[in-house]
Amino acid sequence: MNAKILRSLAISQDSCPPNPRTDYEPMCKIAAFKRGYGDEVLSDEEIYDIRHDDDYFSRRVYIMDRSGVSLSLTPYNDRWDSGQLGIIYISKVHARKEFEGETEEALVEKIENAMTGEIALYNMYLSGSCYYGVLTERKEIEFEGEKYFTKSRTEDSIGGIYAEYSDILPEFLSTLGLIEEDFDSITVLDIKIK
């Protein structure tokens, strides 16, 4: 009698993803002209004041709303379905605390990267690019030339993994600390990969 352990990984879209604006602690704030996609709603005047106040780092945030929502730090060049949502900003005092000891030039670069990263992560949330994986295990037993399988049992599961489609599998494998060869079958969004 021979026994072999078979491991499977099934990745699907997370049906209850964490909101990166409320469930995490973002460094920057998104101020919008109206309710829907910002951390706060500010008037035109308040947004203008922050944009022109030397005590803040800020960038304009643009929205494209056409069969889905997308945010960007650069305009979409579509006058029908896009426009300015508001701004993303951080006070210079808070930024200097976050990146203590950085030169002004390095600080500006780190803040630019943080703003770009926060918008990219929020875009993944808005587009449903958050995933959930289940790692299962079962035994294959060979007895007198016949193969028998035990019932699968869940070994581990993890959700809230944000990734672009092409990075889903590598992101899960690195999060789980495993390699593709550790699995006998892998399914990503109902597509059998292995």
Protein backbone atom coordinates (compact mmCIF):
# COMPACT_ATOMS: atom_id res chain seq x y z
CA MET A 1 0.00 0.00 0.00
CA ASN A 2 1.45 3.35 -1.12
CA ALA A 3 0.16 6.73 0.04
CA LYS A 4 0.82 10.07 -1.59
CA ILE A 5 -0.31 13.54 -0.43
CA LEU A 6 -1.93 15.69 -3.13
CA ARG A 7 -2.09 19.45 -2.55
CA SER A 8 -4.36 21.83 -4.43
CA LEU A 9 -4.63 25.59 -4.53
CA ALA A 10 -7.85 27.24 -5.75
CA ILE A 11 -7.82 31.02 -6.15
CA SER A 12 -11.00 33.01 -6.69
CA GLN A 13 -12.13 36.61 -6.46
CA ASP A 14 -12.50 37.71 -2.84
CA SER A 15 -16.21 38.33 -2.25
CA CYS A 16 -15.57 40.53 0.78
CA PRO A 17 -12.29 42.35 0.12
CA PRO A 18 -10.79 44.75 2.63
CA ASN A 19 -11.23 48.39 1.65
CA PRO A 20 -7.73 49.90 1.55
CA ARG A 21 -9.11 53.34 2.45
CA THR A 22 -10.94 52.20 5.62
CA ASP A 23 -9.55 48.81 6.64
CA TYR A 24 -5.88 49.79 6.37
CA GLU A 25 -4.12 52.93 7.53
CA PRO A 26 -3.35 54.91 4.38
CA MET A 27 -0.69 57.57 4.69
CA CYS A 28 -2.51 60.06 2.46
CA LYS A 29 -6.11 61.25 2.30
CA ILE A 30 -8.31 61.39 -0.77
CA ALA A 31 -10.56 64.44 -0.74
CA ALA A 32 -13.40 64.33 -3.26
CA PHE A 33 -15.78 66.97 -4.50
CA LYS A 34 -18.75 64.67 -3.79
CA ARG A 35 -19.52 61.43 -1.98
CA GLY A 36 -18.51 58.09 -3.35
CA TYR A 37 -14.79 57.50 -3.69
CA GLY A 38 -12.92 59.76 -1.30
CA ASP A 39 -11.99 59.53 2.37
CA GLU A 40 -13.70 62.86 2.86
CA VAL A 41 -15.84 65.33 0.94
CA LEU A 42 -14.50 68.86 0.71
CA SER A 43 -15.78 71.93 -1.07
CA ASP A 44 -14.09 73.36 -4.15
CA GLU A 45 -12.63 76.11 -1.99
CA GLU A 46 -11.23 73.69 0.61
CA ILE A 47 -9.60 71.55 -2.08
CA TYR A 48 -8.22 74.67 -3.75
CA ASP A 49 -6.79 75.84 -0.42
CA ILE A 50 -5.00 72.52 0.21
CA ARG A 51 -3.65 72.44 -3.37
CA HIS A 52 -2.11 75.90 -2.93
CA ASP A 53 -0.98 75.58 0.71
CA ASP A 54 2.78 75.14 1.14
CA ASP A 55 2.10 72.96 4.21
CA TYR A 56 0.79 70.07 2.05
CA PHE A 57 1.94 67.72 -0.67
CA SER A 58 -1.00 67.13 -3.03
CA ARG A 59 -1.88 65.76 -6.45
CA ARG A 60 -5.07 65.90 -8.46
CA VAL A 61 -7.02 62.64 -8.68
CA TYR A 62 -9.01 61.87 -11.82
CA ILE A 63 -11.87 59.42 -12.27
CA MET A 64 -13.05 57.43 -15.28
CA ASP A 65 -16.57 56.10 -14.81
CA ARG A 66 -17.48 53.90 -17.76
CA SER A 67 -18.63 50.31 -17.16
CA GLY A 68 -16.44 50.37 -14.05
CA VAL A 69 -14.53 52.97 -12.10
CA SER A 70 -10.86 53.78 -12.39
CA LEU A 71 -8.77 56.45 -10.66
CA SER A 72 -5.56 58.06 -11.86
CA LEU A 73 -3.13 60.84 -11.04
CA THR A 74 -3.15 61.91 -14.70
CA PRO A 75 -6.17 62.99 -16.77
CA TYR A 76 -7.93 60.35 -18.91
CA ASN A 77 -8.55 62.62 -21.92
CA ASP A 78 -12.19 61.58 -22.14
CA ARG A 79 -14.47 64.55 -21.68
CA TRP A 80 -17.64 62.43 -21.47
CA ASP A 81 -16.86 59.80 -18.82
CA SER A 82 -13.98 61.29 -16.85
CA GLY A 83 -13.01 64.30 -14.82
CA GLN A 84 -11.33 65.40 -11.64
CA LEU A 85 -12.52 63.50 -8.56
CA GLY A 86 -10.58 65.65 -6.10
CA ILE A 87 -7.08 65.39 -4.65
CA ILE A 88 -4.84 63.07 -2.69
CA TYR A 89 -2.82 64.88 -0.05
CA ILE A 90 -0.65 64.64 3.04
CA SER A 91 0.60 67.36 5.36
CA LYS A 92 4.32 68.01 5.19
CA VAL A 93 4.53 67.57 8.98
CA HIS A 94 3.00 64.07 8.73
CA ALA A 95 5.17 63.20 5.72
CA ARG A 96 8.34 64.21 7.56
CA LYS A 97 7.33 62.02 10.51
CA GLU A 98 6.71 59.07 8.17
CA PHE A 99 10.03 59.51 6.38
CA GLU A 100 12.18 60.95 9.13
CA GLY A 101 15.71 61.91 8.14
CA GLU A 102 15.07 62.07 4.39
CA THR A 103 16.30 64.95 2.28
CA GLU A 104 13.61 67.16 0.76
CA GLU A 105 14.21 65.62 -2.67
CA ALA A 106 13.99 62.04 -1.33
CA LEU A 107 10.91 62.98 0.71
CA VAL A 108 9.09 64.31 -2.37
CA GLU A 109 9.95 61.11 -4.29
CA LYS A 110 8.72 58.87 -1.45
CA ILE A 111 5.47 60.84 -1.17
CA GLU A 112 4.94 60.61 -4.96
CA ASN A 113 5.47 56.83 -4.73
CA ALA A 114 3.10 56.56 -1.75
CA MET A 115 0.37 58.52 -3.56
CA THR A 116 0.81 56.46 -6.72
CA GLY A 117 0.72 53.23 -4.69
CA GLU A 118 -2.38 54.21 -2.74
CA ILE A 119 -4.27 55.10 -5.92
CA ALA A 120 -3.14 51.84 -7.58
CA LEU A 121 -4.29 49.77 -4.57
CA TYR A 122 -7.63 51.60 -4.41
CA ASN A 123 -8.07 50.95 -8.15
CA MET A 124 -7.57 47.23 -7.54
CA TYR A 125 -10.25 47.38 -4.84
CA LEU A 126 -12.67 49.27 -7.10
CA SER A 127 -12.08 46.86 -10.01
CA GLY A 128 -12.40 43.69 -7.90
CA SER A 129 -8.75 42.68 -8.23
CA CYS A 130 -8.66 41.16 -4.76
CA TYR A 131 -8.38 37.40 -4.35
CA TYR A 132 -9.01 34.55 -1.92
CA GLY A 133 -7.18 31.24 -1.96
CA VAL A 134 -7.88 27.84 -0.42
CA LEU A 135 -5.13 25.27 0.03
CA THR A 136 -6.48 21.73 0.29
CA GLU A 137 -4.87 18.38 0.85
CA ARG A 138 -5.97 14.81 0.28
CA LYS A 139 -4.29 11.43 0.17
CA GLU A 140 -4.00 9.16 -2.81
CA ILE A 141 -3.73 5.57 -1.63
CA GLU A 142 -2.75 2.79 -3.98
CA PHE A 143 -3.86 -0.64 -2.86
CA GLU A 144 -3.68 -3.79 -4.95
CA GLY A 145 -3.30 -1.79 -8.17
CA GLU A 146 -6.30 0.47 -7.47
CA LYS A 147 -6.15 4.16 -6.52
CA TYR A 148 -8.33 5.53 -3.73
CA PHE A 149 -8.62 9.13 -2.55
CA THR A 150 -9.44 10.49 0.87
CA LYS A 151 -11.79 13.41 1.25
CA SER A 152 -10.08 16.78 0.73
CA ARG A 153 -9.48 18.86 3.81
CA THR A 154 -8.68 22.56 3.97
CA GLU A 155 -5.12 23.08 5.12
CA ASP A 156 -5.07 26.88 4.87
CA SER A 157 -6.97 29.78 3.36
CA ILE A 158 -6.09 33.41 2.82
CA GLY A 159 -7.98 36.37 1.44
CA GLY A 160 -7.46 40.05 0.81
CA ILE A 161 -4.62 39.54 -1.65
CA TYR A 162 -4.51 42.44 -4.11
CA ALA A 163 -2.81 41.70 -7.43
CA GLU A 164 -3.01 42.36 -11.13
CA TYR A 165 -4.28 39.31 -13.03
CA SER A 166 -0.82 38.28 -14.26
CA ASP A 167 0.56 38.43 -10.70
CA ILE A 168 -2.16 36.45 -8.88
CA LEU A 169 -0.33 33.12 -8.65
CA PRO A 170 3.14 34.52 -7.82
CA GLU A 171 1.58 36.76 -5.16
CA PHE A 172 -0.19 33.83 -3.48
CA LEU A 173 2.84 31.57 -3.64
CA SER A 174 5.08 34.22 -2.06
CA THR A 175 2.47 34.99 0.62
CA LEU A 176 2.16 31.29 1.47
CA GLY A 177 5.92 30.76 1.23
CA LEU A 178 5.45 27.96 -1.31
CA ILE A 179 6.46 27.20 -4.89
CA GLU A 180 4.38 25.92 -7.80
CA GLU A 181 5.99 22.48 -7.58
CA ASP A 182 4.45 22.04 -4.08
CA PHE A 183 1.04 21.54 -5.72
CA ASP A 184 -0.52 18.79 -7.79
CA SER A 185 -3.22 21.12 -9.07
CA ILE A 186 -3.69 24.89 -9.20
CA THR A 187 -6.83 26.70 -10.29
CA VAL A 188 -6.96 30.48 -10.72
CA LEU A 189 -10.40 32.02 -11.31
CA ASP A 190 -11.83 28.70 -12.53
CA ILE A 191 -8.96 28.18 -14.98
CA LYS A 192 -6.89 25.09 -14.31
CA ILE A 193 -3.22 26.04 -14.48
CA LYS A 194 -1.68 22.81 -13.30
